């Protein structure tokens, strides 16, 4: 079997490493940081602990499959998965709120009818049926298979179905997520609920294709999960599975180039000038970084790439609170922006003004994250423009203040409970969304294979896109392409 050099120790890269090691390859992971996990990071201070990357998990089957395929111990023996119920509570701009049960269509319909008025739940339930149709049409080509060579087929066809319009006596097909909200949901609060799933990945629902309906569908169909001890525990379990399969990790090892020989990738060059030869190179880095490493234009005409320009980032505020978490507190509350149009305009503006964004409040009931029962650790996060006032003196503090002010709708007496707070950027300067069909291909990601034979892309910036589940899928696809060759078409 061959030698594999993996650049980066993110979750997608480690998923590929574990699978390749089981197949008999000698795998070495080169990570310039001093730890593993990529964006799945953790901050600890004064007995408090916080996830600064993803806080919840969807599609846990992706990681169950990894552990089944790479060892005897299943995922549940390595981490404790907890289904979050309710899945989320939403506080809308008009002050109304709705708590949505986890993975229950009937329960969600009833909850929305009660909170927003009769008929609201039915419209959302009908939307989920159509979203499932879009999911069924795109699941395999977008998630389970390497990106097709004829990928423009995915770019040109909108999988979200047309809807009959009684007054017009014809069907009407939404082209964007915002059109679904306006035409089919017909309630600004339901539209905000829909939009929040796209906004969480830095997508503007006014330009995101209607196929983005699969984002709320995935959460509805497969549930929302938390890993006891924090999401960092999942990264730890994957790392330890790699070690058990004899994957070698070299931390503090910065890769400065991809070696080439006879027209194919032949290893990596390290910052100290030492070469590390390999038969295949797997790169878990952003596209711009990979272009630097290869000195090749891997995104020349013909390659798939997401929309150009800087991506919105995720701004995170860590709160250490005094006082116990009250009984019945919800794990996740989404406090919607008071002015959604202003929020979306700011995301796309080259000189955005400070506006209060949609804020996600995470309050896990987990003793491992707090010093004792008389304290609580809370994470606030929002998707924000890539540049803006927070880069000016006092800008970060002002933005953090907006997040805290919004979070008061979710946490009673929040300001009086704060022991300390810490602001942080996460997402490595940008949020990567899952691959989406339609939209002219702007919402697809570069293929796992590259124009340089022997070099592969993995992780949230490669097919099938961002998010923990999709990163894990990319690891499976890359391992399949290396083990079985270019004829690999995914698991059957």
Protein backbone atom coordinates (compact mmCIF):
# COMPACT_ATOMS: atom_id res chain seq x y z
CA UNK A 1 0.00 0.00 0.00
CA UNK A 2 1.02 3.61 -0.43
CA UNK A 3 2.21 6.54 1.65
CA UNK A 4 -0.33 9.28 2.29
CA UNK A 5 0.51 12.84 3.37
CA UNK A 6 -2.44 14.71 4.86
CA UNK A 7 -2.23 18.49 5.20
CA UNK A 8 -4.21 19.66 8.21
CA UNK A 9 -5.85 17.86 11.13
CA UNK A 10 -9.44 19.07 10.72
CA UNK A 11 -12.26 16.60 11.19
CA UNK A 12 -12.65 15.90 7.46
CA UNK A 13 -8.93 15.31 7.05
CA UNK A 14 -8.85 13.00 10.07
CA UNK A 15 -11.87 11.09 8.73
CA UNK A 16 -9.97 10.46 5.50
CA UNK A 17 -6.81 9.52 7.42
CA UNK A 18 -8.56 6.91 9.56
CA UNK A 19 -10.25 5.28 6.56
CA UNK A 20 -7.04 5.22 4.53
CA UNK A 21 -5.08 3.71 7.42
CA UNK A 22 -7.64 0.91 7.75
CA UNK A 23 -7.17 0.23 4.04
CA UNK A 24 -3.49 -0.41 4.71
CA UNK A 25 -1.91 2.90 3.77
CA UNK A 26 0.79 4.59 5.85
CA UNK A 27 -0.72 7.93 6.76
CA UNK A 28 1.03 10.98 8.19
CA UNK A 29 -0.90 14.13 9.12
CA UNK A 30 0.98 17.46 9.07
CA UNK A 31 -0.69 20.17 11.15
CA UNK A 32 0.87 23.59 11.65
CA UNK A 33 -1.08 24.19 14.87
CA UNK A 34 -0.33 22.33 18.07
CA UNK A 35 -3.58 20.40 18.18
CA UNK A 36 -6.18 18.64 16.06
CA UNK A 37 -9.76 19.47 15.19
CA UNK A 38 -9.59 22.48 12.86
CA UNK A 39 -12.62 24.67 13.59
CA UNK A 40 -13.85 22.27 16.30
CA UNK A 41 -12.06 24.13 19.04
CA UNK A 42 -12.44 24.58 22.77
CA UNK A 43 -11.65 27.39 25.20
CA UNK A 44 -11.16 26.68 28.91
CA UNK A 45 -10.85 29.31 31.63
CA UNK A 46 -11.57 29.41 35.36
CA UNK A 47 -13.37 26.07 35.29
CA UNK A 48 -15.59 27.10 32.33
CA UNK A 49 -15.35 25.41 28.94
CA UNK A 50 -16.79 26.51 25.59
CA UNK A 51 -17.10 25.19 22.05
CA UNK A 52 -15.94 27.95 19.71
CA UNK A 53 -16.77 26.07 16.52
CA UNK A 54 -19.86 23.98 15.75
CA UNK A 55 -22.06 23.58 18.81
CA UNK A 56 -24.50 20.96 17.54
CA UNK A 57 -24.46 17.99 15.20
CA UNK A 58 -26.80 16.85 12.44
CA UNK A 59 -26.56 13.62 10.47
CA UNK A 60 -24.69 11.66 13.16
CA UNK A 61 -24.91 8.64 10.84
CA UNK A 62 -21.88 10.06 8.99
CA UNK A 63 -19.72 9.64 12.08
CA UNK A 64 -21.34 6.34 13.07
CA UNK A 65 -20.31 5.01 9.67
CA UNK A 66 -16.73 6.19 10.18
CA UNK A 67 -16.43 4.37 13.49
CA UNK A 68 -18.04 1.19 12.14
CA UNK A 69 -15.66 1.16 9.17
CA UNK A 70 -12.50 1.89 11.18
CA UNK A 71 -12.73 -0.21 14.34
CA UNK A 72 -14.69 -2.40 16.71
CA UNK A 73 -15.93 0.36 19.04
CA UNK A 74 -19.00 2.19 17.66
CA UNK A 75 -19.36 5.93 17.98
CA UNK A 76 -21.62 5.69 21.04
CA UNK A 77 -18.89 3.86 22.97
CA UNK A 78 -16.47 6.71 22.27
CA UNK A 79 -18.74 9.72 22.87
CA UNK A 80 -22.15 10.27 24.43
CA UNK A 81 -24.67 11.59 21.93
CA UNK A 82 -27.68 13.45 23.31
CA UNK A 83 -30.69 14.39 21.20
CA UNK A 84 -31.58 18.03 21.85
CA UNK A 85 -35.27 18.58 22.54
CA UNK A 86 -36.67 21.03 21.76
CA UNK A 87 -34.41 21.35 18.77
CA UNK A 88 -34.54 25.13 19.01
CA UNK A 89 -36.53 28.05 20.30
CA UNK A 90 -37.05 31.02 18.01
CA UNK A 91 -37.67 34.56 19.22
CA UNK A 92 -38.94 36.61 16.29
CA UNK A 93 -38.62 40.34 15.66
CA UNK A 94 -42.18 41.01 16.86
CA UNK A 95 -41.48 39.32 20.19
CA UNK A 96 -43.39 36.10 19.51
CA UNK A 97 -41.59 32.85 20.18
CA UNK A 98 -41.86 29.21 19.22
CA UNK A 99 -40.10 26.13 20.59
CA UNK A 100 -39.77 23.44 17.92
CA UNK A 101 -39.64 19.75 18.90
CA UNK A 102 -36.78 17.65 17.60
CA UNK A 103 -37.43 15.54 14.49
CA UNK A 104 -41.23 15.61 14.77
CA UNK A 105 -43.22 17.05 11.88
CA UNK A 106 -46.52 16.77 13.74
CA UNK A 107 -44.98 18.37 16.83
CA UNK A 108 -43.50 21.26 14.84
CA UNK A 109 -46.81 21.86 13.04
CA UNK A 110 -48.67 22.00 16.36
CA UNK A 111 -46.05 24.25 17.96
CA UNK A 112 -46.14 26.75 15.09
CA UNK A 113 -49.93 26.79 14.99
CA UNK A 114 -50.01 27.55 18.71
CA UNK A 115 -47.31 30.21 18.58
CA UNK A 116 -48.02 31.92 15.26
CA UNK A 117 -51.68 31.19 14.60
CA UNK A 118 -53.74 28.52 12.92
CA UNK A 119 -52.43 27.57 9.50
CA UNK A 120 -48.82 28.57 10.12
CA UNK A 121 -47.83 25.04 11.08
CA UNK A 122 -49.58 23.55 8.08
CA UNK A 123 -47.75 25.83 5.67
CA UNK A 124 -44.42 24.90 7.26
CA UNK A 125 -45.33 21.21 7.19
CA UNK A 126 -46.22 21.41 3.49
CA UNK A 127 -42.92 23.15 2.85
CA UNK A 128 -41.04 20.29 4.56
CA UNK A 129 -42.72 17.82 2.21
CA UNK A 130 -41.44 19.78 -0.78
CA UNK A 131 -38.02 20.16 0.85
CA UNK A 132 -37.87 16.38 1.16
CA UNK A 133 -38.42 16.12 -2.59
CA UNK A 134 -35.44 18.42 -3.17
CA UNK A 135 -33.42 16.32 -0.71
CA UNK A 136 -34.31 13.06 -2.47
CA UNK A 137 -33.31 14.51 -5.83
CA UNK A 138 -29.93 15.82 -4.71
CA UNK A 139 -28.81 13.65 -1.77
CA UNK A 140 -26.75 11.17 -3.73
CA UNK A 141 -24.97 13.42 -6.26
CA UNK A 142 -24.29 16.14 -3.71
CA UNK A 143 -23.41 14.08 -0.63
CA UNK A 144 -22.62 10.47 -1.42
CA UNK A 145 -20.73 10.62 -4.70
CA UNK A 146 -17.67 12.47 -5.96
CA UNK A 147 -18.66 15.54 -7.93
CA UNK A 148 -19.78 14.50 -11.40
CA UNK A 149 -17.57 15.49 -14.35
CA UNK A 150 -20.78 16.88 -15.89
CA UNK A 151 -21.50 18.95 -12.79
CA UNK A 152 -23.26 21.73 -14.78
CA UNK A 153 -26.30 19.43 -14.74
CA UNK A 154 -26.51 20.10 -11.01
CA UNK A 155 -25.88 23.79 -11.51
CA UNK A 156 -28.68 24.38 -14.01
CA UNK A 157 -31.56 22.34 -12.59
CA UNK A 158 -33.56 23.55 -9.59
CA UNK A 159 -34.62 20.45 -7.62
CA UNK A 160 -37.13 22.27 -5.41
CA UNK A 161 -40.56 21.53 -6.89
CA UNK A 162 -42.98 24.01 -8.39
CA UNK A 163 -46.10 24.73 -6.37
CA UNK A 164 -49.62 25.14 -7.81
CA UNK A 165 -50.94 28.68 -7.42
CA UNK A 166 -54.71 28.73 -7.21
CA UNK A 167 -55.19 32.36 -8.22
CA UNK A 168 -52.81 32.18 -11.16
CA UNK A 169 -54.18 28.76 -12.23
CA UNK A 170 -50.65 27.55 -12.89
CA UNK A 171 -47.57 26.33 -11.05
CA UNK A 172 -44.88 28.67 -9.87
CA UNK A 173 -41.33 27.57 -9.10
CA UNK A 174 -39.29 29.51 -6.59
CA UNK A 175 -35.76 30.33 -7.69
CA UNK A 176 -34.49 31.51 -4.29
CA UNK A 177 -35.10 30.70 -0.65
CA UNK A 178 -36.61 34.15 -0.13
CA UNK A 179 -39.21 33.44 -2.80
CA UNK A 180 -40.23 30.28 -0.95
CA UNK A 181 -40.78 32.38 2.16
CA UNK A 182 -42.79 35.04 0.33
CA UNK A 183 -44.87 32.81 -1.95
CA UNK A 184 -45.39 29.67 0.10
CA UNK A 185 -44.96 30.48 3.80
CA UNK A 186 -46.66 33.92 3.67
CA UNK A 187 -45.68 34.94 7.17
CA UNK A 188 -42.59 37.06 7.96
CA UNK A 189 -41.89 34.92 11.02
CA UNK A 190 -41.98 31.68 9.05
CA UNK A 191 -39.81 33.34 6.42
CA UNK A 192 -37.35 34.35 9.14
CA UNK A 193 -37.36 30.75 10.42
CA UNK A 194 -36.52 29.53 6.94
CA UNK A 195 -33.93 32.22 6.31
CA UNK A 196 -32.09 31.44 9.56
CA UNK A 197 -30.97 28.05 8.24
CA UNK A 198 -29.25 29.70 5.28
CA UNK A 199 -27.95 32.62 7.28
CA UNK A 200 -26.20 30.21 9.67
CA UNK A 201 -23.90 29.31 6.76
CA UNK A 202 -23.38 32.89 5.60
CA UNK A 203 -25.90 32.60 2.75
CA UNK A 204 -28.21 35.44 1.79
CA UNK A 205 -31.67 33.88 1.30
CA UNK A 206 -32.38 36.47 -1.39
CA UNK A 207 -29.71 34.90 -3.59
CA UNK A 208 -29.44 31.37 -2.19
CA UNK A 209 -31.16 28.88 -4.50
CA UNK A 210 -34.47 27.33 -3.51
CA UNK A 211 -32.55 24.05 -3.15
CA UNK A 212 -31.29 25.45 0.17
CA UNK A 213 -34.60 24.12 1.49
CA UNK A 214 -32.63 20.95 2.21
CA UNK A 215 -30.89 22.74 5.12
CA UNK A 216 -33.94 22.91 7.41
CA UNK A 217 -35.05 19.53 6.10
CA UNK A 218 -31.83 17.83 7.24
CA UNK A 219 -32.27 19.17 10.75
CA UNK A 220 -35.94 18.18 10.80
CA UNK A 221 -35.46 14.69 9.38
CA UNK A 222 -32.30 13.59 11.17
CA UNK A 223 -32.56 15.55 14.38
CA UNK A 224 -30.23 17.81 16.29
CA UNK A 225 -27.60 16.25 18.55
CA UNK A 226 -25.16 17.35 21.19
CA UNK A 227 -21.99 15.56 22.27
CA UNK A 228 -21.71 15.38 26.05
CA UNK A 229 -18.63 17.29 27.17
CA UNK A 230 -18.82 19.55 24.13
CA UNK A 231 -18.32 19.03 20.41
CA UNK A 232 -14.59 18.96 20.95
CA UNK A 233 -15.18 15.44 22.30
CA UNK A 234 -16.13 14.30 18.80
CA UNK A 235 -12.84 15.64 17.43
CA UNK A 236 -11.00 13.88 20.27
CA UNK A 237 -12.71 10.58 19.47
CA UNK A 238 -11.82 10.84 15.77
CA UNK A 239 -8.23 11.73 16.64
CA UNK A 240 -7.95 8.75 18.98
CA UNK A 241 -9.43 6.47 16.32
CA UNK A 242 -6.71 7.69 13.96
CA UNK A 243 -4.04 6.89 16.56
CA UNK A 244 -5.52 3.44 17.08
CA UNK A 245 -5.20 2.85 13.33
CA UNK A 246 -1.55 3.99 13.51
CA UNK A 247 -1.95 7.32 11.80
CA UNK A 248 1.08 9.49 12.61
CA UNK A 249 0.50 13.13 13.58
CA UNK A 250 3.13 15.84 13.33
CA UNK A 251 1.96 19.00 15.07
CA UNK A 252 3.74 22.31 14.60
CA UNK A 253 4.66 21.10 11.11
CA UNK A 254 3.79 23.71 8.52
CA UNK A 255 3.55 22.54 4.93
CA UNK A 256 4.94 25.12 2.50
CA UNK A 257 4.50 23.26 -0.76
CA UNK A 258 3.24 20.18 -2.55
CA UNK A 259 6.02 18.22 -4.23
CA UNK A 260 5.58 17.07 -7.82
CA UNK A 261 7.27 14.36 -9.82
CA UNK A 262 6.43 13.10 -13.29
CA UNK A 263 3.34 15.29 -13.41
CA UNK A 264 1.72 14.14 -10.17
CA UNK A 265 1.78 14.94 -6.46
CA UNK A 266 4.75 13.25 -4.80
CA UNK A 267 4.69 14.52 -1.21
CA UNK A 268 4.96 17.76 0.73
CA UNK A 269 7.68 20.21 1.65
CA UNK A 270 7.84 21.48 5.23
CA UNK A 271 8.77 24.90 6.56
CA UNK A 272 12.16 23.59 7.69
CA UNK A 273 12.89 22.63 4.09
CA UNK A 274 12.59 18.92 4.67
CA UNK A 275 10.70 16.96 1.99
CA UNK A 276 8.22 14.23 2.94
CA UNK A 277 7.60 11.93 0.01
CA UNK A 278 4.19 10.37 -0.52
CA UNK A 279 2.19 8.55 -3.16
CA UNK A 280 -0.90 10.68 -2.52
CA UNK A 281 -1.46 14.07 -0.87
CA UNK A 282 -4.73 14.96 0.85
CA UNK A 283 -5.18 18.68 1.50
CA UNK A 284 -7.60 19.81 4.19
CA UNK A 285 -7.04 23.53 3.57
CA UNK A 286 -8.91 26.43 2.02
CA UNK A 287 -8.73 26.81 -1.80
CA UNK A 288 -6.52 29.92 -1.66
CA UNK A 289 -4.07 28.13 0.62
CA UNK A 290 -3.96 25.12 -1.70
CA UNK A 291 -3.17 27.34 -4.68
CA UNK A 292 -0.24 28.76 -2.74
CA UNK A 293 1.02 25.28 -1.89
CA UNK A 294 0.83 24.02 -5.46
CA UNK A 295 1.72 27.16 -7.40
CA UNK A 296 -0.99 25.91 -9.75
CA UNK A 297 -4.27 27.55 -10.64
CA UNK A 298 -6.41 24.64 -9.53
CA UNK A 299 -9.55 26.72 -10.04
CA UNK A 300 -8.93 27.46 -13.72
CA UNK A 301 -11.84 27.34 -16.13
CA UNK A 302 -13.71 24.07 -15.72
CA UNK A 303 -13.22 23.69 -11.98
CA UNK A 304 -16.17 24.19 -9.69
CA UNK A 305 -15.78 26.91 -7.11
CA UNK A 306 -18.05 28.77 -4.73
CA UNK A 307 -18.94 32.41 -5.29
CA UNK A 308 -15.92 34.67 -5.34
CA UNK A 309 -15.14 37.30 -2.73
CA UNK A 310 -14.66 37.23 1.01
CA UNK A 311 -17.10 35.04 2.90
CA UNK A 312 -19.04 36.19 5.97
CA UNK A 313 -17.44 35.07 9.22
CA UNK A 314 -18.80 33.85 12.52
CA UNK A 315 -18.34 36.07 15.56
CA UNK A 316 -18.52 34.34 18.93
CA UNK A 317 -18.95 35.63 22.47
CA UNK A 318 -18.17 33.34 25.41
CA UNK A 319 -20.07 34.13 28.60
CA UNK A 320 -19.18 32.89 32.07
CA UNK A 321 -22.33 33.36 34.15
CA UNK A 322 -23.03 33.23 37.86
CA UNK A 323 -26.19 31.48 38.89
CA UNK A 324 -27.54 28.06 37.97
CA UNK A 325 -29.19 27.33 34.64
CA UNK A 326 -32.90 27.63 35.28
CA UNK A 327 -35.18 24.61 34.99
CA UNK A 328 -36.62 24.20 31.53
CA UNK A 329 -33.97 26.32 29.82
CA UNK A 330 -33.66 25.57 26.11
CA UNK A 331 -30.32 24.36 24.74
CA UNK A 332 -30.50 26.54 21.61
CA UNK A 333 -32.38 29.79 21.14
CA UNK A 334 -32.25 31.80 17.92
CA UNK A 335 -33.01 35.47 18.45
CA UNK A 336 -33.91 36.93 15.08
CA UNK A 337 -32.65 40.32 13.95
CA UNK A 338 -35.08 43.22 14.43
CA UNK A 339 -34.44 44.29 10.82
CA UNK A 340 -33.66 41.30 8.62
CA UNK A 341 -33.25 43.38 5.47
CA UNK A 342 -30.64 45.59 7.14
CA UNK A 343 -28.85 42.49 8.43
CA UNK A 344 -28.67 40.91 4.97
CA UNK A 345 -27.64 44.17 3.31
CA UNK A 346 -24.80 44.50 5.82
CA UNK A 347 -23.55 41.00 5.05
CA UNK A 348 -23.03 41.93 1.41
CA UNK A 349 -21.80 45.49 1.91
CA UNK A 350 -18.13 46.39 1.40
CA UNK A 351 -18.48 48.94 4.23
CA UNK A 352 -21.14 47.50 6.53
CA UNK A 353 -22.67 49.45 9.38
CA UNK A 354 -23.09 47.86 12.78
CA UNK A 355 -26.54 46.28 12.95
CA UNK A 356 -27.94 43.80 15.42
CA UNK A 357 -27.65 40.37 13.76
CA UNK A 358 -29.55 37.15 14.24
CA UNK A 359 -27.96 35.59 17.32
CA UNK A 360 -27.71 31.92 18.28
CA UNK A 361 -27.63 31.30 22.03
CA UNK A 362 -26.26 27.91 23.15
CA UNK A 363 -26.87 26.87 26.75
CA UNK A 364 -25.88 23.20 27.07
CA UNK A 365 -26.94 21.51 30.30
CA UNK A 366 -23.52 19.92 30.76
CA UNK A 367 -21.63 19.82 34.09
CA UNK A 368 -18.37 19.33 32.16
CA UNK A 369 -18.59 22.90 30.89
CA UNK A 370 -19.02 24.76 34.20
CA UNK A 371 -17.06 24.89 37.44
CA UNK A 372 -20.09 23.95 39.58
CA UNK A 373 -23.87 23.98 39.70
CA UNK A 374 -23.95 27.66 40.63
CA UNK A 375 -22.52 28.79 37.30
CA UNK A 376 -23.28 28.41 33.62
CA UNK A 377 -21.28 28.63 30.40
CA UNK A 378 -23.02 30.15 27.37
CA UNK A 379 -21.91 30.70 23.78
CA UNK A 380 -23.39 33.46 21.61
CA UNK A 381 -22.66 33.51 17.90
CA UNK A 382 -23.70 35.40 14.80
CA UNK A 383 -22.73 35.43 11.15
CA UNK A 384 -21.22 38.81 10.36
CA UNK A 385 -19.64 40.61 7.38
CA UNK A 386 -16.03 39.65 6.60
CA UNK A 387 -14.90 43.22 7.31
CA UNK A 388 -16.42 46.17 9.05
CA UNK A 389 -16.54 48.30 12.15
CA UNK A 390 -15.42 45.49 14.44
CA UNK A 391 -11.94 45.88 12.96
CA UNK A 392 -11.85 49.46 14.26
CA UNK A 393 -10.97 50.37 17.89
CA UNK A 394 -13.87 49.28 20.05
CA UNK A 395 -15.61 47.57 17.13
CA UNK A 396 -15.41 44.06 18.55
CA UNK A 397 -16.67 45.24 21.91
CA UNK A 398 -19.59 47.04 20.27
CA UNK A 399 -20.54 43.97 18.27
CA UNK A 400 -20.26 41.77 21.35
CA UNK A 401 -22.57 44.21 23.12
CA UNK A 402 -25.15 43.76 20.38
CA UNK A 403 -25.00 39.97 20.77
CA UNK A 404 -25.40 40.23 24.54
CA UNK A 405 -28.33 42.62 24.18
CA UNK A 406 -30.05 40.23 21.78
CA UNK A 407 -29.39 37.25 24.06
CA UNK A 408 -31.30 38.88 26.89
CA UNK A 409 -34.43 37.66 25.12
CA UNK A 410 -33.25 34.11 25.80
CA UNK A 411 -31.58 34.38 29.22
CA UNK A 412 -33.39 36.12 32.07
CA UNK A 413 -31.27 38.78 33.81
CA UNK A 414 -28.29 38.08 31.59
CA UNK A 415 -26.25 41.24 32.13
CA UNK A 416 -26.36 40.93 35.91
CA UNK A 417 -25.11 37.33 35.72
CA UNK A 418 -21.96 37.92 33.65
CA UNK A 419 -18.74 37.11 35.49
CA UNK A 420 -16.63 37.70 32.39
CA UNK A 421 -16.94 37.53 28.64
CA UNK A 422 -14.52 36.86 25.83
CA UNK A 423 -14.92 37.68 22.15
CA UNK A 424 -13.57 35.51 19.36
CA UNK A 425 -13.72 35.07 15.62
CA UNK A 426 -14.34 31.55 14.44
CA UNK A 427 -14.70 29.85 11.09
CA UNK A 428 -11.17 30.85 10.01
CA UNK A 429 -12.39 34.09 8.46
CA UNK A 430 -15.28 32.57 6.59
CA UNK A 431 -18.24 30.24 6.92
CA UNK A 432 -18.49 27.41 4.40
CA UNK A 433 -21.96 26.19 3.41
CA UNK A 434 -22.96 22.71 2.26
CA UNK A 435 -23.03 22.23 -1.51
CA UNK A 436 -26.34 23.22 -3.09
CA UNK A 437 -27.77 22.48 -6.50
CA UNK A 438 -28.90 25.16 -8.99
CA UNK A 439 -27.74 28.76 -8.69
CA UNK A 440 -25.51 28.42 -11.73
CA UNK A 441 -22.98 26.33 -9.79
CA UNK A 442 -22.05 29.18 -7.43
CA UNK A 443 -23.06 27.06 -4.45
CA UNK A 444 -21.04 23.97 -5.34
CA UNK A 445 -17.55 23.33 -3.99
CA UNK A 446 -14.37 22.21 -5.75
CA UNK A 447 -14.20 18.49 -6.49
CA UNK A 448 -12.22 16.17 -4.21
CA UNK A 449 -9.90 15.38 -7.10
CA UNK A 450 -7.72 18.10 -8.62
CA UNK A 451 -5.96 18.74 -11.90
CA UNK A 452 -2.77 17.52 -10.31
CA UNK A 453 -3.01 13.71 -10.18
CA UNK A 454 -2.43 12.34 -6.71
CA UNK A 455 -3.63 15.53 -4.97
CA UNK A 456 -7.05 15.55 -3.30
CA UNK A 457 -9.18 18.12 -1.49
CA UNK A 458 -10.95 17.30 1.77
CA UNK A 459 -12.90 19.18 4.45
CA UNK A 460 -15.49 21.93 4.53
CA UNK A 461 -14.05 23.87 1.57
CA UNK A 462 -14.22 20.88 -0.77
CA UNK A 463 -17.12 18.82 -2.09
CA UNK A 464 -19.66 18.31 -0.50
CA UNK A 465 -19.12 21.47 1.56
CA UNK A 466 -19.22 22.88 5.06
CA UNK A 467 -20.52 21.55 8.35
CA UNK A 468 -19.35 18.62 10.46
CA UNK A 469 -21.45 16.04 8.64
CA UNK A 470 -20.35 17.20 5.20
CA UNK A 471 -16.71 17.32 6.27
CA UNK A 472 -17.01 13.69 7.36
CA UNK A 473 -18.56 12.81 4.00
CA UNK A 474 -15.65 14.44 2.18
CA UNK A 475 -13.26 12.20 4.12
CA UNK A 476 -15.16 9.12 2.97
CA UNK A 477 -15.15 10.29 -0.65
CA UNK A 478 -11.43 11.01 -0.71
CA UNK A 479 -10.60 7.67 0.89
CA UNK A 480 -12.78 5.90 -1.69
CA UNK A 481 -11.11 7.71 -4.59
CA UNK A 482 -7.64 6.76 -3.36
CA UNK A 483 -8.45 3.15 -2.48
CA UNK A 484 -10.70 2.31 -5.44
CA UNK A 485 -9.48 4.81 -7.99
CA UNK A 486 -11.30 7.32 -10.20
CA UNK A 487 -14.09 4.81 -10.91
CA UNK A 488 -15.26 5.12 -7.28
CA UNK A 489 -18.86 6.33 -7.18
CA UNK A 490 -19.62 6.38 -3.47
CA UNK A 491 -21.17 3.90 -1.09
CA UNK A 492 -24.08 1.91 -2.41
